[in-house]
C-alpha atoms as a PDB file:
ATOM      1  CA  MET A   1      92.010  60.802 -27.760  1.00  0.00           C
ATOM      2  CA  GLY A   2      89.359  58.796 -26.210  1.00  0.00           C
ATOM      3  CA  ILE A   3      89.363  57.217 -22.682  1.00  0.00           C
ATOM      4  CA  LEU A   4      89.511  53.986 -24.493  1.00  0.00           C
ATOM      5  CA  GLU A   5      91.672  53.509 -27.646  1.00  0.00           C
ATOM      6  CA  VAL A   6      91.845  50.183 -29.337  1.00  0.00           C
ATOM      7  CA  LYS A   7      94.462  50.071 -32.386  1.00  0.00           C
ATOM      8  CA  GLY A   8      95.059  47.287 -34.909  1.00  0.00           C
ATOM      9  CA  ILE A   9      93.584  44.492 -32.784  1.00  0.00           C
ATOM     10  CA  ASN A  10      93.576  41.014 -34.493  1.00  0.00           C
ATOM     11  CA  LYS A  11      92.605  37.781 -33.241  1.00  0.00           C
ATOM     12  CA  ARG A  12      92.576  34.323 -34.725  1.00  0.00           C
ATOM     13  CA  PHE A  13      91.180  31.009 -33.871  1.00  0.00           C
ATOM     14  CA  GLY A  14      92.929  28.589 -35.966  1.00  0.00           C
ATOM     15  CA  GLY A  15      91.817  29.277 -39.453  1.00  0.00           C
ATOM     16  CA  LEU A  16      89.304  31.798 -38.517  1.00  0.00           C
ATOM     17  CA  GLN A  17      89.984  35.568 -38.407  1.00  0.00           C
ATOM     18  CA  ALA A  18      87.697  36.525 -35.420  1.00  0.00           C
ATOM     19  CA  LEU A  19      88.897  40.285 -35.351  1.00  0.00           C
ATOM     20  CA  GLY A  20      90.840  41.944 -38.066  1.00  0.00           C
ATOM     21  CA  ASP A  21      92.670  45.428 -37.600  1.00  0.00           C
ATOM     22  CA  VAL A  22      89.907  46.710 -35.299  1.00  0.00           C
ATOM     23  CA  ASN A  23      90.152  50.373 -34.247  1.00  0.00           C
ATOM     24  CA  LEU A  24      87.995  52.097 -32.011  1.00  0.00           C
ATOM     25  CA  SER A  25      88.194  55.192 -30.220  1.00  0.00           C
ATOM     26  CA  VAL A  26      85.518  55.741 -27.065  1.00  0.00           C
ATOM     27  CA  VAL A  27      85.193  59.399 -25.958  1.00  0.00           C
ATOM     28  CA  GLU A  28      85.054  59.704 -21.947  1.00  0.00           C
ATOM     29  CA  ASN A  29      81.464  59.989 -20.475  1.00  0.00           C
ATOM     30  CA  THR A  30      79.495  58.774 -23.605  1.00  0.00           C
ATOM     31  CA  VAL A  31      77.742  55.514 -24.632  1.00  0.00           C
ATOM     32  CA  HIS A  32      79.249  53.727 -27.298  1.00  0.00           C
ATOM     33  CA  ALA A  33      77.450  50.723 -28.922  1.00  0.00           C
ATOM     34  CA  LEU A  34      78.981  47.902 -30.954  1.00  0.00           C
ATOM     35  CA  ILE A  35      76.564  45.997 -33.191  1.00  0.00           C
ATOM     36  CA  GLY A  36      76.581  43.562 -36.004  1.00  0.00           C
ATOM     37  CA  PRO A  37      75.351  40.164 -37.186  1.00  0.00           C
ATOM     38  CA  ASN A  38      76.026  37.108 -35.253  1.00  0.00           C
ATOM     39  CA  GLY A  39      79.667  36.211 -35.472  1.00  0.00           C
ATOM     40  CA  ALA A  40      80.892  39.670 -36.171  1.00  0.00           C
ATOM     41  CA  GLY A  41      83.553  39.694 -33.280  1.00  0.00           C
ATOM     42  CA  LYS A  42      81.731  41.704 -30.752  1.00  0.00           C
ATOM     43  CA  SER A  43      81.965  39.559 -27.866  1.00  0.00           C
ATOM     44  CA  THR A  44      85.502  38.714 -29.047  1.00  0.00           C
ATOM     45  CA  LEU A  45      86.462  42.204 -28.814  1.00  0.00           C
ATOM     46  CA  LEU A  46      84.811  42.529 -25.372  1.00  0.00           C
ATOM     47  CA  ASN A  47      86.885  39.722 -23.952  1.00  0.00           C
ATOM     48  CA  VAL A  48      90.139  41.283 -25.173  1.00  0.00           C
ATOM     49  CA  LEU A  49      89.343  44.371 -23.679  1.00  0.00           C
ATOM     50  CA  VAL A  50      88.626  42.834 -20.060  1.00  0.00           C
ATOM     51  CA  GLY A  51      91.855  40.460 -20.194  1.00  0.00           C
ATOM     52  CA  LYS A  52      89.781  37.258 -20.857  1.00  0.00           C
ATOM     53  CA  LEU A  53      91.559  36.705 -24.502  1.00  0.00           C
ATOM     54  CA  ALA A  54      94.914  37.996 -25.448  1.00  0.00           C
ATOM     55  CA  PRO A  55      94.957  39.574 -29.051  1.00  0.00           C
ATOM     56  CA  ASP A  56      97.719  38.265 -31.654  1.00  0.00           C
ATOM     57  CA  SER A  57      98.564  41.784 -32.287  1.00  0.00           C
ATOM     58  CA  GLY A  58      97.485  45.516 -31.466  1.00  0.00           C
ATOM     59  CA  SER A  59      97.318  47.323 -28.533  1.00  0.00           C
ATOM     60  CA  VAL A  60      94.295  48.630 -26.019  1.00  0.00           C
ATOM     61  CA  LEU A  61      94.712  51.723 -24.089  1.00  0.00           C
ATOM     62  CA  PHE A  62      92.467  52.800 -21.132  1.00  0.00           C
ATOM     63  CA  ASP A  63      93.205  56.198 -20.156  1.00  0.00           C
ATOM     64  CA  GLY A  64      96.833  56.109 -21.787  1.00  0.00           C
ATOM     65  CA  LYS A  65      97.632  52.780 -19.892  1.00  0.00           C
ATOM     66  CA  SER A  66      97.700  49.333 -21.987  1.00  0.00           C
ATOM     67  CA  VAL A  67      95.146  46.705 -20.557  1.00  0.00           C
ATOM     68  CA  LEU A  68      97.039  43.915 -22.342  1.00  0.00           C
ATOM     69  CA  GLY A  69      98.706  41.243 -20.320  1.00  0.00           C
ATOM     70  CA  ARG A  70      96.846  42.279 -17.107  1.00  0.00           C
ATOM     71  CA  LYS A  71      94.589  39.867 -15.322  1.00  0.00           C
ATOM     72  CA  PRO A  72      90.950  40.338 -15.242  1.00  0.00           C
ATOM     73  CA  HIS A  73      91.208  41.492 -11.537  1.00  0.00           C
ATOM     74  CA  GLU A  74      93.812  43.941 -12.458  1.00  0.00           C
ATOM     75  CA  ILE A  75      91.807  45.366 -15.357  1.00  0.00           C
ATOM     76  CA  ASN A  76      88.958  45.818 -12.664  1.00  0.00           C
ATOM     77  CA  GLN A  77      91.034  47.726 -10.317  1.00  0.00           C
ATOM     78  CA  MET A  78      92.180  50.158 -13.245  1.00  0.00           C
ATOM     79  CA  GLY A  79      88.326  51.168 -13.197  1.00  0.00           C
ATOM     80  CA  ILE A  80      86.739  48.886 -15.861  1.00  0.00           C
ATOM     81  CA  SER A  81      83.858  46.652 -15.044  1.00  0.00           C
ATOM     82  CA  ARG A  82      81.984  44.063 -17.011  1.00  0.00           C
ATOM     83  CA  VAL A  83      78.281  43.028 -17.138  1.00  0.00           C
ATOM     84  CA  PHE A  84      77.876  39.644 -18.751  1.00  0.00           C
ATOM     85  CA  GLN A  85      75.087  38.183 -20.731  1.00  0.00           C
ATOM     86  CA  THR A  86      73.799  35.874 -17.920  1.00  0.00           C
ATOM     87  CA  PRO A  87      73.647  38.070 -14.596  1.00  0.00           C
ATOM     88  CA  GLU A  88      76.424  37.127 -12.389  1.00  0.00           C
ATOM     89  CA  ILE A  89      75.019  37.085  -8.954  1.00  0.00           C
ATOM     90  CA  PHE A  90      75.013  34.648  -5.838  1.00  0.00           C
ATOM     91  CA  GLY A  91      71.746  32.947  -6.056  1.00  0.00           C
ATOM     92  CA  ASP A  92      71.966  31.294  -2.628  1.00  0.00           C
ATOM     93  CA  LEU A  93      72.471  34.633  -0.857  1.00  0.00           C
ATOM     94  CA  SER A  94      69.837  37.253  -0.295  1.00  0.00           C
ATOM     95  CA  VAL A  95      69.916  40.790  -2.359  1.00  0.00           C
ATOM     96  CA  ILE A  96      71.561  42.666   0.564  1.00  0.00           C
ATOM     97  CA  GLU A  97      74.199  39.904   1.192  1.00  0.00           C
ATOM     98  CA  ASN A  98      75.227  40.002  -2.679  1.00  0.00           C
ATOM     99  CA  MET A  99      75.718  44.017  -2.196  1.00  0.00           C
ATOM    100  CA  MET A 100      77.661  43.430   0.904  1.00  0.00           C
ATOM    101  CA  ILE A 101      80.403  41.320  -0.993  1.00  0.00           C
ATOM    102  CA  PRO A 102      81.678  43.997  -3.372  1.00  0.00           C
ATOM    103  CA  CYS A 103      81.229  46.785  -0.540  1.00  0.00           C
ATOM    104  CA  PHE A 104      83.888  44.698   1.524  1.00  0.00           C
ATOM    105  CA  ALA A 105      86.013  44.355  -1.585  1.00  0.00           C
ATOM    106  CA  ARG A 106      86.205  48.020  -1.873  1.00  0.00           C
ATOM    107  CA  ARG A 107      87.757  48.345   1.612  1.00  0.00           C
ATOM    108  CA  ASP A 108      91.121  50.103   1.858  1.00  0.00           C
ATOM    109  CA  GLY A 109      91.924  50.808   5.455  1.00  0.00           C
ATOM    110  CA  SER A 110      89.856  53.861   5.586  1.00  0.00           C
ATOM    111  CA  TYR A 111      87.058  51.898   3.471  1.00  0.00           C
ATOM    112  CA  ARG A 112      85.590  54.153   0.836  1.00  0.00           C
ATOM    113  CA  MET A 113      82.266  53.510  -1.134  1.00  0.00           C
ATOM    114  CA  HIS A 114      80.444  55.641  -3.487  1.00  0.00           C
ATOM    115  CA  ALA A 115      80.587  59.381  -2.599  1.00  0.00           C
ATOM    116  CA  PHE A 116      81.328  58.905   1.086  1.00  0.00           C
ATOM    117  CA  GLU A 117      83.502  57.309   3.723  1.00  0.00           C
ATOM    118  CA  THR A 118      82.857  55.114   6.541  1.00  0.00           C
ATOM    119  CA  VAL A 119      84.477  53.034   9.099  1.00  0.00           C
ATOM    120  CA  GLY A 120      85.142  49.641   7.935  1.00  0.00           C
ATOM    121  CA  SER A 121      82.425  48.172  10.267  1.00  0.00           C
ATOM    122  CA  GLU A 122      79.704  45.564   9.489  1.00  0.00           C
ATOM    123  CA  LYS A 123      77.200  48.362   9.952  1.00  0.00           C
ATOM    124  CA  GLY A 124      78.969  50.564   7.841  1.00  0.00           C
ATOM    125  CA  ILE A 125      79.114  48.201   5.072  1.00  0.00           C
ATOM    126  CA  ILE A 126      75.245  47.350   5.336  1.00  0.00           C
ATOM    127  CA  GLU A 127      74.670  51.029   5.292  1.00  0.00           C
ATOM    128  CA  ASP A 128      76.446  51.485   1.948  1.00  0.00           C
ATOM    129  CA  ALA A 129      74.758  48.495   0.441  1.00  0.00           C
ATOM    130  CA  GLU A 130      71.364  49.868   1.223  1.00  0.00           C
ATOM    131  CA  THR A 131      72.548  52.981  -0.404  1.00  0.00           C
ATOM    132  CA  MET A 132      73.444  51.591  -3.635  1.00  0.00           C
ATOM    133  CA  LEU A 133      70.381  49.149  -3.839  1.00  0.00           C
ATOM    134  CA  SER A 134      68.306  52.274  -3.025  1.00  0.00           C
ATOM    135  CA  ASP A 135      69.981  53.984  -6.114  1.00  0.00           C
ATOM    136  CA  VAL A 136      68.984  51.380  -8.199  1.00  0.00           C
ATOM    137  CA  ASN A 137      65.357  50.911  -6.780  1.00  0.00           C
ATOM    138  CA  MET A 138      66.187  47.803  -5.287  1.00  0.00           C
ATOM    139  CA  LEU A 139      65.795  48.467  -1.549  1.00  0.00           C
ATOM    140  CA  GLU A 140      62.510  47.159  -1.224  1.00  0.00           C
ATOM    141  CA  LYS A 141      63.732  43.422  -2.330  1.00  0.00           C
ATOM    142  CA  ARG A 142      66.927  43.910   0.115  1.00  0.00           C
ATOM    143  CA  ASP A 143      65.882  40.601   1.901  1.00  0.00           C
ATOM    144  CA  MET A 144      64.731  38.645  -1.124  1.00  0.00           C
ATOM    145  CA  HIS A 145      66.382  35.657  -2.049  1.00  0.00           C
ATOM    146  CA  ALA A 146      68.610  36.669  -5.118  1.00  0.00           C
ATOM    147  CA  ALA A 147      67.563  33.223  -7.141  1.00  0.00           C
ATOM    148  CA  SER A 148      63.944  34.507  -6.658  1.00  0.00           C
ATOM    149  CA  LEU A 149      64.341  37.733  -8.532  1.00  0.00           C
ATOM    150  CA  SER A 150      63.070  38.174 -12.170  1.00  0.00           C
ATOM    151  CA  ARG A 151      66.033  38.354 -14.899  1.00  0.00           C
ATOM    152  CA  GLY A 152      65.646  42.202 -14.966  1.00  0.00           C
ATOM    153  CA  ASP A 153      65.907  42.431 -11.332  1.00  0.00           C
ATOM    154  CA  LYS A 154      68.885  40.213 -11.229  1.00  0.00           C
ATOM    155  CA  ARG A 155      70.397  42.171 -13.958  1.00  0.00           C
ATOM    156  CA  ARG A 156      69.582  45.385 -11.807  1.00  0.00           C
ATOM    157  CA  LEU A 157      71.580  43.810  -8.836  1.00  0.00           C
ATOM    158  CA  GLU A 158      74.372  42.895 -10.936  1.00  0.00           C
ATOM    159  CA  MET A 159      74.868  46.487 -12.261  1.00  0.00           C
ATOM    160  CA  ALA A 160      74.652  47.597  -8.559  1.00  0.00           C
ATOM    161  CA  MET A 161      77.272  45.266  -7.610  1.00  0.00           C
ATOM    162  CA  CYS A 162      79.588  46.690 -10.485  1.00  0.00           C
ATOM    163  CA  LEU A 163      78.847  50.352  -9.579  1.00  0.00           C
ATOM    164  CA  VAL A 164      79.942  49.924  -6.183  1.00  0.00           C
ATOM    165  CA  GLN A 165      83.416  49.615  -7.592  1.00  0.00           C
ATOM    166  CA  GLN A 166      83.024  52.892  -9.118  1.00  0.00           C
ATOM    167  CA  PRO A 167      84.210  52.132 -12.531  1.00  0.00           C
ATOM    168  CA  ARG A 168      85.211  54.857 -15.100  1.00  0.00           C
ATOM    169  CA  LEU A 169      84.388  52.240 -17.890  1.00  0.00           C
ATOM    170  CA  LEU A 170      81.442  49.871 -17.837  1.00  0.00           C
ATOM    171  CA  LEU A 171      81.284  47.340 -20.404  1.00  0.00           C
ATOM    172  CA  LEU A 172      77.812  45.430 -21.223  1.00  0.00           C
ATOM    173  CA  ASP A 173      77.603  42.189 -23.091  1.00  0.00           C
ATOM    174  CA  GLU A 174      73.821  42.193 -24.273  1.00  0.00           C
ATOM    175  CA  PRO A 175      72.441  43.541 -21.025  1.00  0.00           C
ATOM    176  CA  THR A 176      68.705  42.891 -21.980  1.00  0.00           C
ATOM    177  CA  ALA A 177      69.116  39.243 -23.292  1.00  0.00           C
ATOM    178  CA  GLY A 178      66.246  36.889 -22.474  1.00  0.00           C
ATOM    179  CA  MET A 179      64.171  39.795 -20.850  1.00  0.00           C
ATOM    180  CA  ALA A 180      60.592  40.322 -21.238  1.00  0.00           C
ATOM    181  CA  ARG A 181      59.642  43.824 -22.737  1.00  0.00           C
ATOM    182  CA  ALA A 182      58.771  45.296 -19.293  1.00  0.00           C
ATOM    183  CA  ASP A 183      62.247  44.333 -17.893  1.00  0.00           C
ATOM    184  CA  THR A 184      63.840  45.494 -20.933  1.00  0.00           C
ATOM    185  CA  ASN A 185      62.206  48.756 -20.616  1.00  0.00           C
ATOM    186  CA  ASN A 186      63.110  48.990 -17.027  1.00  0.00           C
ATOM    187  CA  THR A 187      66.794  48.238 -17.965  1.00  0.00           C
ATOM    188  CA  ILE A 188      66.927  50.972 -20.365  1.00  0.00           C
ATOM    189  CA  GLU A 189      65.570  53.360 -17.799  1.00  0.00           C
ATOM    190  CA  LEU A 190      68.217  52.298 -15.373  1.00  0.00           C
ATOM    191  CA  LEU A 191      71.119  52.519 -17.989  1.00  0.00           C
ATOM    192  CA  LYS A 192      69.716  56.260 -18.667  1.00  0.00           C
ATOM    193  CA  HIS A 193      69.803  56.984 -15.163  1.00  0.00           C
ATOM    194  CA  ILE A 194      73.632  55.663 -14.632  1.00  0.00           C
ATOM    195  CA  ARG A 195      74.606  57.597 -17.774  1.00  0.00           C
ATOM    196  CA  ASP A 196      72.970  60.688 -16.507  1.00  0.00           C
ATOM    197  CA  SER A 197      73.915  60.560 -12.890  1.00  0.00           C
ATOM    198  CA  ARG A 198      77.514  59.447 -13.097  1.00  0.00           C
ATOM    199  CA  ASP A 199      80.762  60.276 -14.572  1.00  0.00           C
ATOM    200  CA  ILE A 200      80.961  57.061 -16.336  1.00  0.00           C
ATOM    201  CA  THR A 201      81.696  55.754 -20.223  1.00  0.00           C
ATOM    202  CA  MET A 202      79.603  52.580 -21.308  1.00  0.00           C
ATOM    203  CA  VAL A 203      80.242  50.318 -24.276  1.00  0.00           C
ATOM    204  CA  ILE A 204      77.519  48.004 -24.831  1.00  0.00           C
ATOM    205  CA  ILE A 205      76.911  44.970 -27.268  1.00  0.00           C
ATOM    206  CA  GLU A 206      73.252  44.535 -27.800  1.00  0.00           C
ATOM    207  CA  HIS A 207      71.047  42.933 -30.504  1.00  0.00           C
ATOM    208  CA  ASP A 208      67.848  44.939 -29.450  1.00  0.00           C
ATOM    209  CA  MET A 209      67.965  47.975 -31.473  1.00  0.00           C
ATOM    210  CA  ASN A 210      65.449  49.884 -29.160  1.00  0.00           C
ATOM    211  CA  VAL A 211      68.009  49.673 -26.653  1.00  0.00           C
ATOM    212  CA  VAL A 212      70.798  50.817 -28.732  1.00  0.00           C
ATOM    213  CA  PHE A 213      69.158  53.811 -30.228  1.00  0.00           C
ATOM    214  CA  SER A 214      67.752  54.728 -26.966  1.00  0.00           C
ATOM    215  CA  LEU A 215      71.190  54.864 -25.234  1.00  0.00           C
ATOM    216  CA  ALA A 216      74.013  55.123 -27.716  1.00  0.00           C
ATOM    217  CA  GLU A 217      75.459  58.118 -29.031  1.00  0.00           C
ATOM    218  CA  ARG A 218      78.013  56.669 -31.177  1.00  0.00           C
ATOM    219  CA  ILE A 219      77.537  53.087 -32.896  1.00  0.00           C
ATOM    220  CA  THR A 220      80.322  50.957 -34.567  1.00  0.00           C
ATOM    221  CA  VAL A 221      79.048  48.181 -36.814  1.00  0.00           C
ATOM    222  CA  LEU A 222      81.449  44.982 -37.030  1.00  0.00           C
ATOM    223  CA  ALA A 223      80.937  42.655 -39.729  1.00  0.00           C
ATOM    224  CA  GLN A 224      83.209  39.461 -40.069  1.00  0.00           C
ATOM    225  CA  GLY A 225      85.562  40.702 -37.410  1.00  0.00           C
ATOM    226  CA  THR A 226      86.158  44.204 -39.016  1.00  0.00           C
ATOM    227  CA  PRO A 227      84.593  47.687 -38.275  1.00  0.00           C
ATOM    228  CA  LEU A 228      82.487  48.561 -41.225  1.00  0.00           C
ATOM    229  CA  VAL A 229      80.934  52.116 -40.016  1.00  0.00           C
ATOM    230  CA  GLU A 230      81.214  54.102 -37.207  1.00  0.00           C
ATOM    231  CA  ASP A 231      78.624  56.880 -37.008  1.00  0.00           C
ATOM    232  CA  THR A 232      75.707  58.735 -34.962  1.00  0.00           C
ATOM    233  CA  PRO A 233      72.675  56.563 -34.571  1.00  0.00           C
ATOM    234  CA  ASP A 234      70.543  58.718 -37.041  1.00  0.00           C
ATOM    235  CA  ASN A 235      73.279  58.025 -39.855  1.00  0.00           C
ATOM    236  CA  ILE A 236      73.608  54.499 -38.969  1.00  0.00           C
ATOM    237  CA  LYS A 237      70.136  53.623 -39.415  1.00  0.00           C
ATOM    238  CA  GLY A 238      70.067  54.028 -43.211  1.00  0.00           C
ATOM    239  CA  HIS A 239      73.451  53.334 -44.081  1.00  0.00           C
ATOM    240  CA  PRO A 240      73.984  51.327 -47.147  1.00  0.00           C
ATOM    241  CA  LYS A 241      77.181  49.170 -45.558  1.00  0.00           C
ATOM    242  CA  VAL A 242      74.839  48.591 -42.656  1.00  0.00           C
ATOM    243  CA  GLN A 243      72.086  47.238 -44.769  1.00  0.00           C
ATOM    244  CA  GLU A 244      74.519  44.818 -46.414  1.00  0.00           C
ATOM    245  CA  ALA A 245      75.860  43.638 -43.279  1.00  0.00           C
ATOM    246  CA  TYR A 246      72.447  42.755 -42.083  1.00  0.00           C
ATOM    247  CA  LEU A 247      71.479  40.353 -44.903  1.00  0.00           C
ATOM    248  CA  GLY A 248      71.736  42.931 -47.494  1.00  0.00           C
ATOM    249  CA  GLU A 249      68.001  44.188 -46.898  1.00  0.00           C
ATOM    250  CA  THR A 250      67.338  45.879 -43.618  1.00  0.00           C
ATOM    251  CA  ALA A 251      70.135  47.841 -41.638  1.00  0.00           C
ATOM    252  CA  VAL A 252      68.373  47.149 -38.196  1.00  0.00           C
ATOM    253  CA  ASP A 253      65.327  45.568 -36.986  1.00  0.00           C
END
């Protein structure tokens, strides 16, 4: 049994079947990619996983507990965090101020953050924020206006803000969308660092196959809202059903 179990999920929007009997099992501490043509149901499935959409039927279990019917902040408290297609940061604040917000949110009386404890003082919060920024190679930009960051650095900051919450499952919706190649490569390296240095499971939606094959250990291909194939990256590349899903000629670009 995986840390994330999706069983028989169905979702319709009027006459459109967005998800049809979707089953998915994600093994703990692995990177699992969801790929497929536009309109395949990838983002719809992610929205179900984080409580943004309620399915018409089926179940979603995280560590044996249902996430359905819970509000997004409750799902976050279970240990699930999400990175959106467009980086969600506070552009009018500095980098360090952005980091301090989730640090404050983690306070629970004896305030815990990352792998150590501090008292809930502002000094402690700043120190913890700086520690996380250092972990993602952003400390030298601590005083920069967040709106002035490149898209890649905005994504790096957003991921740091998620990691402060110590998630066990990180959902990433096209984390390299709109990036220049240099920023994409830096994001791949950051995700590898996160994968290798933390006890964390990642589910990634991504159109850039260089990102997918650099990171994923398992890949599920969706087509018209239904899982088509699930396999290792090497077996996915030349699979005939995958070729058919991608316009019948090329499996992945």
